[in-house]
Amino acid sequence: MIRFLRCFGLLLCVLTACQTSPTQPLPTLVNLDAIATQTALANIPTATNTRLVPTLLPTFTPTTPPTLEPTITPVPATPTPPGFSATGRLYYIYNQDAIAVINGDGTEGKILVSFGVGRPITDLTVSPDNQLLAYVAPGSGSAREVYISNLDGTYTQQVSCLGFNDVRYVTWTPDSQSLAFFAAGLLGQPGDLYLASYIGANDCPAGNNQRVIVPFQSPDIRGLTFNQAGTILFYAGGGKDLFAWDLTSGRRAIMAYSGGYEGNFAPIHNPTSNQLAFLNGGQYDGQYLLGSTNLIDNTESIPDNPASSRASLEAAWDLIWSRDGTLLLAAGKDTLVYSDFVTNQVKRVMTEIPLNFPQAVIRPDKQEMAFTAVDPETGIQQIFGYDLQTSTTRPITAHPEGSITDVVWLEGNP
């Protein structure tokens, strides 16, 4: 018995030694959660700055939000005024019987004022403060009268009350309160130069002080313009000379003699300085007079011996100042030339569109000018824009028919 027990103990020792032998290790415990975490971390790509960000508005400025502060609601931007156009707005007489308007970029064209088909409107001009349009339109019976309208056409007021058949050359005073014009009983009869305020026009002639300011007594009128102060009226005609009339003293003086041919015409005063431009020595070429450009300085009073200087511009039938008085545009038979008084340069408008006595106007910011011409593709008169920096031409209007006259160009607000 004792021998058996010793043999059993020896067997247990052998079995125990086999289980702990380093040559046969036990299986390693596998942690599946740890493996999954390590695999996920190993598969994260290296960070790079390739994240897409939202596109910001042009006016957006990134700021750091305040800590623990209430959300601040931004103040909304001032809305764009109705009808605003960055390229301004052009007003013109369309088809001889309506006043039309179109944005400078060629959009939103429409008719503003009409007295009926075939009832002519002429002599469109804008007040110096850019608030009102003035023009000549049908009155009672066969009469022609001076009218004003606001820029959106919702208000129209008759200013004159003469009952005359011939009314022309409507011209604003520099303070935008009154209008000078030529008027005669019938076309071809001698007429006079009148002045009337649009204020009190409901009680014309007493309420708006309509009166003769120059006893002209001639049928030959060729232009009216005031000096910058509004104290002197310059006019051409009635003898082919260029005259000045002092509204305070009633003194009249000759500013420039005719110099032969058809004399002086188309006076236009600089809107910002004491300088008067006019055309001289004209002769008819088709439907218009053509003449050379002249300048007179120091127009704040009537000089005893006025002297004019010849400007370096080609023969023209019409002159146009820029709003700031630094550019003078001359429209000829088939040319457009402008003089820059800042750089002392004279430049010709180069366009592939044929010109035939074009009417022209300068955009208020002087980036562009506009002119009338017949579209070579359609044969219809249109308004075209001409970029003064790039010398490129673009169409502005696209009328299916009709004529265009008396173009004026204002800033964007209607």
Protein backbone atom coordinates (compact mmCIF):
# COMPACT_ATOMS: atom_id res chain seq x y z
CA MET A 1 0.00 0.00 0.00
CA ILE A 2 2.68 2.40 0.90
CA ARG A 3 4.46 1.55 -2.38
CA PHE A 4 1.28 2.35 -4.35
CA LEU A 5 0.93 5.78 -2.78
CA ARG A 6 4.53 6.73 -3.60
CA CYS A 7 3.95 5.76 -7.25
CA PHE A 8 0.74 7.87 -7.49
CA GLY A 9 2.52 10.94 -6.04
CA LEU A 10 5.30 10.57 -8.56
CA LEU A 11 2.74 10.48 -11.38
CA LEU A 12 1.13 13.75 -10.20
CA CYS A 13 4.52 15.47 -10.18
CA VAL A 14 5.16 14.41 -13.75
CA LEU A 15 1.75 15.67 -14.93
CA THR A 16 2.24 19.00 -13.18
CA ALA A 17 5.62 19.51 -14.81
CA CYS A 18 4.17 18.90 -18.29
CA GLN A 19 1.46 21.64 -17.89
CA THR A 20 3.98 24.38 -16.99
CA SER A 21 6.58 23.53 -19.61
CA PRO A 22 7.68 26.60 -21.66
CA THR A 23 7.72 24.59 -24.85
CA GLN A 24 3.90 24.47 -25.04
CA PRO A 25 2.41 27.93 -24.04
CA LEU A 26 -1.27 28.48 -23.34
CA PRO A 27 -3.37 30.40 -25.88
CA THR A 28 -3.20 34.26 -25.51
CA LEU A 29 -6.44 36.00 -24.45
CA VAL A 30 -7.73 38.12 -27.44
CA ASN A 31 -9.35 41.56 -26.66
CA LEU A 32 -11.61 42.25 -29.69
CA ASP A 33 -12.53 45.75 -28.53
CA ALA A 34 -8.89 46.77 -28.30
CA ILE A 35 -8.15 45.45 -31.79
CA ALA A 36 -11.09 47.35 -33.25
CA THR A 37 -9.92 50.60 -31.62
CA GLN A 38 -6.35 50.21 -32.82
CA THR A 39 -7.52 49.41 -36.37
CA ALA A 40 -9.74 52.46 -36.47
CA LEU A 41 -6.96 54.75 -35.24
CA ALA A 42 -4.52 53.28 -37.76
CA ASN A 43 -6.94 54.01 -40.62
CA ILE A 44 -7.46 57.79 -39.88
CA PRO A 45 -5.82 59.78 -42.72
CA THR A 46 -3.21 62.41 -42.02
CA ALA A 47 -4.92 65.80 -41.51
CA THR A 48 -4.62 68.22 -44.44
CA ASN A 49 -6.13 71.68 -45.08
CA THR A 50 -8.50 70.50 -47.80
CA ARG A 51 -11.84 71.08 -46.09
CA LEU A 52 -14.37 72.91 -48.26
CA VAL A 53 -15.62 76.15 -46.72
CA PRO A 54 -18.86 77.92 -47.62
CA THR A 55 -18.61 80.75 -50.17
CA LEU A 56 -18.87 84.11 -48.43
CA LEU A 57 -20.77 87.12 -49.71
CA PRO A 58 -18.53 89.80 -51.26
CA THR A 59 -19.24 92.18 -48.38
CA PHE A 60 -18.75 89.61 -45.60
CA THR A 61 -16.04 90.34 -43.02
CA PRO A 62 -15.23 87.43 -40.67
CA THR A 63 -15.26 88.36 -37.00
CA THR A 64 -14.66 86.46 -33.75
CA PRO A 65 -18.00 85.89 -31.99
CA PRO A 66 -18.13 87.33 -28.46
CA THR A 67 -17.88 84.90 -25.56
CA LEU A 68 -21.07 84.35 -23.58
CA GLU A 69 -22.80 87.26 -25.32
CA PRO A 70 -26.29 87.27 -26.85
CA THR A 71 -26.55 86.73 -30.59
CA ILE A 72 -26.30 90.10 -32.41
CA THR A 73 -28.68 90.60 -35.32
CA PRO A 74 -26.84 92.49 -38.10
CA VAL A 75 -28.35 95.76 -39.35
CA PRO A 76 -29.74 95.17 -42.84
CA ALA A 77 -28.07 97.04 -45.70
CA THR A 78 -29.85 100.03 -47.19
CA PRO A 79 -32.02 98.68 -50.02
CA THR A 80 -31.27 99.71 -53.57
CA PRO A 81 -33.68 102.49 -54.55
CA PRO A 82 -36.35 101.40 -57.03
CA GLY A 83 -35.23 101.97 -60.58
CA PHE A 84 -31.58 102.47 -59.65
CA SER A 85 -29.03 101.66 -62.35
CA ALA A 86 -25.29 101.87 -61.87
CA THR A 87 -24.97 103.09 -65.46
CA GLY A 88 -27.58 105.81 -65.01
CA ARG A 89 -30.71 106.49 -67.02
CA LEU A 90 -31.21 108.01 -70.47
CA TYR A 91 -34.23 110.17 -71.29
CA TYR A 92 -35.11 111.02 -74.87
CA ILE A 93 -37.90 111.93 -77.27
CA TYR A 94 -39.08 108.83 -79.08
CA ASN A 95 -40.86 108.94 -82.42
CA GLN A 96 -41.35 112.73 -82.02
CA ASP A 97 -44.40 112.34 -79.76
CA ALA A 98 -43.29 110.65 -76.51
CA ILE A 99 -40.66 110.96 -73.79
CA ALA A 100 -38.99 107.61 -73.11
CA VAL A 101 -36.51 106.42 -70.50
CA ILE A 102 -34.12 103.46 -70.40
CA ASN A 103 -31.39 102.33 -68.02
CA GLY A 104 -27.87 102.84 -69.26
CA ASP A 105 -27.41 99.07 -69.45
CA GLY A 106 -30.32 98.78 -71.89
CA THR A 107 -32.93 97.48 -69.43
CA GLU A 108 -36.35 98.73 -68.29
CA GLY A 109 -37.13 100.92 -71.29
CA LYS A 110 -40.57 102.55 -71.18
CA ILE A 111 -42.65 105.56 -72.24
CA LEU A 112 -43.03 108.24 -69.56
CA VAL A 113 -44.97 111.08 -71.18
CA SER A 114 -47.18 111.31 -74.27
CA PHE A 115 -49.85 113.75 -75.40
CA GLY A 116 -51.13 111.36 -78.06
CA VAL A 117 -49.90 109.84 -81.29
CA GLY A 118 -48.76 112.49 -83.75
CA ARG A 119 -48.81 115.29 -81.15
CA PRO A 120 -45.17 116.42 -81.15
CA ILE A 121 -42.89 116.92 -78.15
CA THR A 122 -39.66 118.90 -78.63
CA ASP A 123 -36.82 120.64 -76.77
CA LEU A 124 -36.37 118.11 -73.96
CA THR A 125 -33.97 119.31 -71.26
CA VAL A 126 -33.28 118.43 -67.61
CA SER A 127 -33.06 120.85 -64.68
CA PRO A 128 -29.57 121.53 -63.27
CA ASP A 129 -30.56 119.81 -60.01
CA ASN A 130 -31.57 116.69 -62.00
CA GLN A 131 -35.10 116.65 -60.59
CA LEU A 132 -37.36 117.77 -63.46
CA LEU A 133 -37.70 117.44 -67.21
CA ALA A 134 -38.81 120.44 -69.29
CA TYR A 135 -40.08 120.32 -72.87
CA VAL A 136 -42.46 121.86 -75.41
CA ALA A 137 -45.73 120.05 -76.11
CA PRO A 138 -49.25 120.74 -77.46
CA GLY A 139 -51.34 123.32 -75.64
CA SER A 140 -54.85 124.49 -76.37
CA GLY A 141 -55.79 124.30 -80.05
CA SER A 142 -52.72 124.84 -82.21
CA ALA A 143 -50.70 126.39 -79.40
CA ARG A 144 -47.38 125.08 -78.15
CA GLU A 145 -46.53 125.45 -74.46
CA VAL A 146 -43.70 124.74 -72.03
CA TYR A 147 -44.26 121.81 -69.63
CA ILE A 148 -42.38 120.10 -66.83
CA SER A 149 -42.57 116.51 -65.58
CA ASN A 150 -40.85 114.65 -62.77
CA LEU A 151 -38.43 111.86 -63.63
CA ASP A 152 -40.93 109.01 -63.32
CA GLY A 153 -43.63 110.76 -65.38
CA THR A 154 -46.22 110.74 -62.60
CA TYR A 155 -46.43 114.55 -62.41
CA THR A 156 -46.85 116.97 -65.32
CA GLN A 157 -47.43 120.72 -65.14
CA GLN A 158 -47.99 123.29 -67.89
CA VAL A 159 -45.68 126.24 -67.24
CA SER A 160 -46.30 128.79 -70.02
CA CYS A 161 -49.69 130.18 -71.07
CA LEU A 162 -49.03 132.26 -74.17
CA GLY A 163 -51.17 130.39 -76.68
CA PHE A 164 -48.43 130.89 -79.31
CA ASN A 165 -47.71 128.52 -82.17
CA ASP A 166 -43.88 128.74 -82.13
CA VAL A 167 -42.09 127.93 -78.84
CA ARG A 168 -38.46 126.75 -78.85
CA TYR A 169 -35.11 126.60 -77.02
CA VAL A 170 -36.35 125.89 -73.50
CA THR A 171 -33.50 126.68 -71.08
CA TRP A 172 -33.34 126.26 -67.29
CA THR A 173 -32.01 128.93 -64.98
CA PRO A 174 -29.07 127.60 -62.90
CA ASP A 175 -31.21 127.50 -59.73
CA SER A 176 -33.69 125.10 -61.43
CA GLN A 177 -36.61 127.42 -60.60
CA SER A 178 -37.43 129.08 -63.93
CA LEU A 179 -37.34 128.52 -67.68
CA ALA A 180 -36.34 130.86 -70.49
CA PHE A 181 -37.63 130.24 -74.02
CA PHE A 182 -38.27 131.81 -77.41
CA ALA A 183 -41.90 132.30 -78.43
CA ALA A 184 -43.67 133.79 -81.46
CA GLY A 185 -47.32 133.92 -82.42
CA LEU A 186 -46.78 131.90 -85.60
CA LEU A 187 -43.83 130.06 -87.09
CA GLY A 188 -41.71 132.52 -89.08
CA GLN A 189 -42.99 135.59 -87.23
CA PRO A 190 -40.75 137.75 -85.00
CA GLY A 191 -40.69 136.59 -81.40
CA ASP A 192 -39.29 137.51 -78.02
CA LEU A 193 -37.43 135.78 -75.20
CA TYR A 194 -39.56 134.92 -72.16
CA LEU A 195 -38.96 133.80 -68.60
CA ALA A 196 -41.45 131.92 -66.39
CA SER A 197 -41.20 130.02 -63.11
CA TYR A 198 -42.74 126.57 -62.77
CA ILE A 199 -43.69 127.55 -59.20
CA GLY A 200 -47.12 129.16 -59.33
CA ALA A 201 -47.73 127.99 -62.89
CA ASN A 202 -51.33 127.07 -61.99
CA ASP A 203 -51.94 130.81 -61.95
CA CYS A 204 -50.03 131.73 -65.12
CA PRO A 205 -48.99 134.42 -66.01
CA ALA A 206 -49.31 136.28 -62.71
CA GLY A 207 -48.58 133.37 -60.37
CA ASN A 208 -45.35 132.33 -62.10
CA ASN A 209 -44.31 135.79 -63.33
CA GLN A 210 -44.28 134.88 -67.03
CA ARG A 211 -42.81 137.87 -68.85
CA VAL A 212 -40.63 139.09 -71.73
CA ILE A 213 -37.04 139.42 -70.59
CA VAL A 214 -35.48 140.27 -73.98
CA PRO A 215 -37.46 142.15 -76.65
CA PHE A 216 -35.90 140.02 -79.36
CA GLN A 217 -38.27 140.82 -82.23
CA SER A 218 -36.76 138.39 -84.71
CA PRO A 219 -37.76 134.98 -86.07
CA ASP A 220 -34.10 133.89 -86.19
CA ILE A 221 -33.18 132.23 -82.90
CA ARG A 222 -30.14 129.91 -82.61
CA GLY A 223 -29.71 129.12 -78.95
CA LEU A 224 -30.07 130.30 -75.33
CA THR A 225 -27.91 129.70 -72.25
CA PHE A 226 -27.38 131.32 -68.84
CA ASN A 227 -24.08 132.07 -67.16
CA GLN A 228 -23.26 130.10 -64.01
CA ALA A 229 -24.76 132.74 -61.70
CA GLY A 230 -27.97 133.05 -63.74
CA THR A 231 -27.51 136.82 -64.09
CA ILE A 232 -26.75 136.94 -67.81
CA LEU A 233 -28.60 135.31 -70.70
CA PHE A 234 -26.53 134.59 -73.80
CA TYR A 235 -28.36 134.12 -77.07
CA ALA A 236 -27.58 133.79 -80.75
CA GLY A 237 -29.66 135.06 -83.64
CA GLY A 238 -31.42 138.24 -84.65
CA GLY A 239 -28.45 139.47 -86.65
CA LYS A 240 -26.15 136.41 -86.57
CA ASP A 241 -24.12 137.80 -83.69
CA LEU A 242 -23.78 136.35 -80.18
CA PHE A 243 -25.43 138.58 -77.58
CA ALA A 244 -25.42 138.92 -73.79
CA TRP A 245 -28.34 140.34 -71.79
CA ASP A 246 -27.85 141.39 -68.18
CA LEU A 247 -31.09 140.48 -66.38
CA THR A 248 -30.37 142.92 -63.56
CA SER A 249 -29.49 146.08 -65.49
CA GLY A 250 -31.14 145.32 -68.83
CA ARG A 251 -27.89 146.00 -70.61
CA ARG A 252 -27.29 144.23 -73.92
CA ALA A 253 -23.87 143.70 -75.52
CA ILE A 254 -22.42 141.81 -78.45
CA MET A 255 -20.16 139.00 -77.27
CA ALA A 256 -19.01 137.83 -80.71
CA TYR A 257 -19.63 139.18 -84.19
CA SER A 258 -20.87 136.97 -86.99
CA GLY A 259 -17.56 136.73 -88.83
CA GLY A 260 -19.19 135.86 -92.15
CA TYR A 261 -21.30 133.00 -93.48
CA GLU A 262 -24.17 132.18 -91.12
CA GLY A 263 -22.66 133.74 -88.01
CA ASN A 264 -22.78 132.38 -84.45
CA PHE A 265 -25.03 129.66 -83.05
CA ALA A 266 -25.44 126.90 -80.42
CA PRO A 267 -24.12 128.76 -77.34
CA ILE A 268 -23.73 126.53 -74.27
CA HIS A 269 -22.32 127.63 -70.92
CA ASN A 270 -19.98 125.53 -68.79
CA PRO A 271 -22.02 124.22 -65.80
CA THR A 272 -19.16 124.66 -63.31
CA SER A 273 -17.08 127.63 -64.47
CA ASN A 274 -17.36 131.01 -66.14
CA GLN A 275 -16.76 129.75 -69.66
CA LEU A 276 -19.02 129.96 -72.70
CA ALA A 277 -18.69 127.75 -75.78
CA PHE A 278 -20.37 128.46 -79.13
CA LEU A 279 -20.10 127.72 -82.83
CA ASN A 280 -19.04 130.31 -85.35
CA GLY A 281 -18.91 130.86 -89.12
CA GLY A 282 -21.47 128.19 -89.87
CA GLN A 283 -22.73 127.14 -93.26
CA TYR A 284 -25.54 124.73 -94.05
CA ASP A 285 -24.66 121.14 -94.88
CA GLY A 286 -27.85 119.20 -95.32
CA GLN A 287 -30.16 119.77 -92.36
CA TYR A 288 -27.80 121.55 -89.93
CA LEU A 289 -25.37 124.43 -89.70
CA LEU A 290 -21.75 123.49 -89.22
CA GLY A 291 -19.21 125.76 -87.55
CA SER A 292 -15.98 125.92 -85.58
CA THR A 293 -15.89 125.88 -81.78
CA ASN A 294 -15.07 129.05 -79.86
CA LEU A 295 -14.63 129.78 -76.15
CA ILE A 296 -15.16 132.92 -74.07
CA ASP A 297 -13.88 133.11 -70.48
CA ASN A 298 -14.89 135.38 -67.58
CA THR A 299 -18.64 135.36 -68.15
CA GLU A 300 -19.58 136.39 -64.59
CA SER A 301 -20.24 139.85 -66.06
CA ILE A 302 -20.50 141.40 -69.49
CA PRO A 303 -16.96 142.38 -70.54
CA ASP A 304 -16.39 145.67 -72.34
CA ASN A 305 -14.27 144.01 -75.00
CA PRO A 306 -14.99 140.28 -75.05
CA ALA A 307 -12.43 138.08 -76.72
CA SER A 308 -12.94 134.50 -77.85
CA SER A 309 -10.45 131.75 -78.49
CA ARG A 310 -10.71 129.03 -81.10
CA ALA A 311 -10.90 125.51 -79.66
CA SER A 312 -9.18 122.62 -81.44
CA LEU A 313 -12.35 120.80 -82.45
CA GLU A 314 -13.65 119.94 -85.91
CA ALA A 315 -16.67 121.55 -87.57
CA ALA A 316 -19.78 120.78 -85.53
CA TRP A 317 -23.51 121.41 -85.41
CA ASP A 318 -23.91 120.87 -81.65
CA LEU A 319 -21.85 121.20 -78.45
CA ILE A 320 -22.27 119.30 -75.17
CA TRP A 321 -20.54 119.85 -71.82
CA SER A 322 -19.95 117.06 -69.32
CA ARG A 323 -21.66 117.47 -65.96
CA ASP A 324 -18.44 118.62 -64.26
CA GLY A 325 -17.47 120.94 -67.11
CA THR A 326 -14.16 119.23 -67.95
CA LEU A 327 -15.17 117.64 -71.28
CA LEU A 328 -16.61 119.45 -74.29
CA LEU A 329 -18.11 117.23 -76.95
CA ALA A 330 -18.60 118.43 -80.53
CA ALA A 331 -21.02 116.58 -82.80
CA GLY A 332 -20.29 117.03 -86.50
CA LYS A 333 -21.74 115.75 -89.74
CA ASP A 334 -20.09 112.33 -89.45
CA THR A 335 -17.79 112.83 -86.44
CA LEU A 336 -17.77 113.03 -82.67
CA VAL A 337 -14.78 114.78 -81.10
CA TYR A 338 -14.27 115.75 -77.46
CA SER A 339 -11.79 118.04 -75.75
CA ASP A 340 -10.50 117.16 -72.27
CA PHE A 341 -9.69 120.36 -70.38
CA VAL A 342 -7.88 118.43 -67.64
CA THR A 343 -5.36 116.71 -69.90
CA ASN A 344 -5.57 119.29 -72.72
CA GLN A 345 -6.14 116.50 -75.23
CA VAL A 346 -8.55 116.27 -78.13
CA LYS A 347 -9.84 112.82 -79.01
CA ARG A 348 -12.00 111.46 -81.80
CA VAL A 349 -14.66 108.85 -81.14
CA MET A 350 -13.71 105.84 -83.25
CA THR A 351 -16.68 103.59 -83.96
CA GLU A 352 -17.51 101.15 -86.72
CA ILE A 353 -21.09 102.48 -86.85
CA PRO A 354 -21.58 105.17 -89.53
CA LEU A 355 -22.45 108.59 -88.11
CA ASN A 356 -24.88 111.01 -89.73
CA PHE A 357 -25.34 114.21 -87.68
CA PRO A 358 -25.27 112.20 -84.44
CA GLN A 359 -26.84 113.49 -81.25
CA ALA A 360 -24.61 112.77 -78.27
CA VAL A 361 -24.40 113.08 -74.50
CA ILE A 362 -21.76 112.30 -71.85
CA ARG A 363 -22.51 109.96 -68.93
CA PRO A 364 -22.38 111.85 -65.59
CA ASP A 365 -19.33 109.88 -64.37
CA LYS A 366 -17.54 110.42 -67.73
CA GLN A 367 -16.91 106.70 -68.18
CA GLU A 368 -18.98 106.59 -71.33
CA MET A 369 -20.87 108.65 -73.86
CA ALA A 370 -23.99 107.86 -75.84
CA PHE A 371 -24.86 108.79 -79.41
CA THR A 372 -27.64 108.20 -81.91
CA ALA A 373 -26.99 106.32 -85.14
CA VAL A 374 -28.76 104.06 -87.59
CA ASP A 375 -28.10 100.41 -86.80
CA PRO A 376 -26.38 98.97 -89.92
CA GLU A 377 -28.13 95.61 -89.43
CA THR A 378 -31.71 96.84 -88.97
CA GLY A 379 -31.69 100.28 -90.58
CA ILE A 380 -33.42 101.71 -87.47
CA GLN A 381 -32.11 104.59 -85.38
CA GLN A 382 -30.86 103.52 -81.95
CA ILE A 383 -28.82 104.80 -79.01
CA PHE A 384 -25.32 103.36 -78.67
CA GLY A 385 -22.85 103.60 -75.81
CA TYR A 386 -19.16 104.33 -76.32
CA ASP A 387 -16.67 103.55 -73.55
CA LEU A 388 -14.19 106.43 -73.30
CA GLN A 389 -11.49 104.19 -71.77
CA THR A 390 -11.68 101.12 -74.02
CA SER A 391 -13.08 102.78 -77.19
CA THR A 392 -15.68 100.01 -77.51
CA THR A 393 -19.25 100.46 -78.71
CA ARG A 394 -22.39 98.73 -77.44
CA PRO A 395 -26.12 99.02 -78.25
CA ILE A 396 -28.39 100.51 -75.59
CA THR A 397 -31.81 100.63 -77.27
CA ALA A 398 -33.41 98.08 -79.57
CA HIS A 399 -36.49 99.84 -80.94
CA PRO A 400 -38.41 98.09 -83.72
CA GLU A 401 -39.05 101.45 -85.42
CA GLY A 402 -39.13 105.19 -84.81
CA SER A 403 -36.77 108.12 -84.30
CA ILE A 404 -34.72 109.37 -81.33
CA THR A 405 -33.89 112.98 -80.42
CA ASP A 406 -32.93 115.15 -77.44
CA VAL A 407 -31.01 112.53 -75.42
CA VAL A 408 -30.04 113.37 -71.83
CA TRP A 409 -28.16 111.10 -69.37
CA LEU A 410 -28.68 111.24 -65.59
CA GLU A 411 -27.43 109.34 -62.55
CA GLY A 412 -29.06 106.09 -61.47
CA ASN A 413 -31.85 107.33 -59.20
CA PRO A 414 -35.10 108.13 -61.02
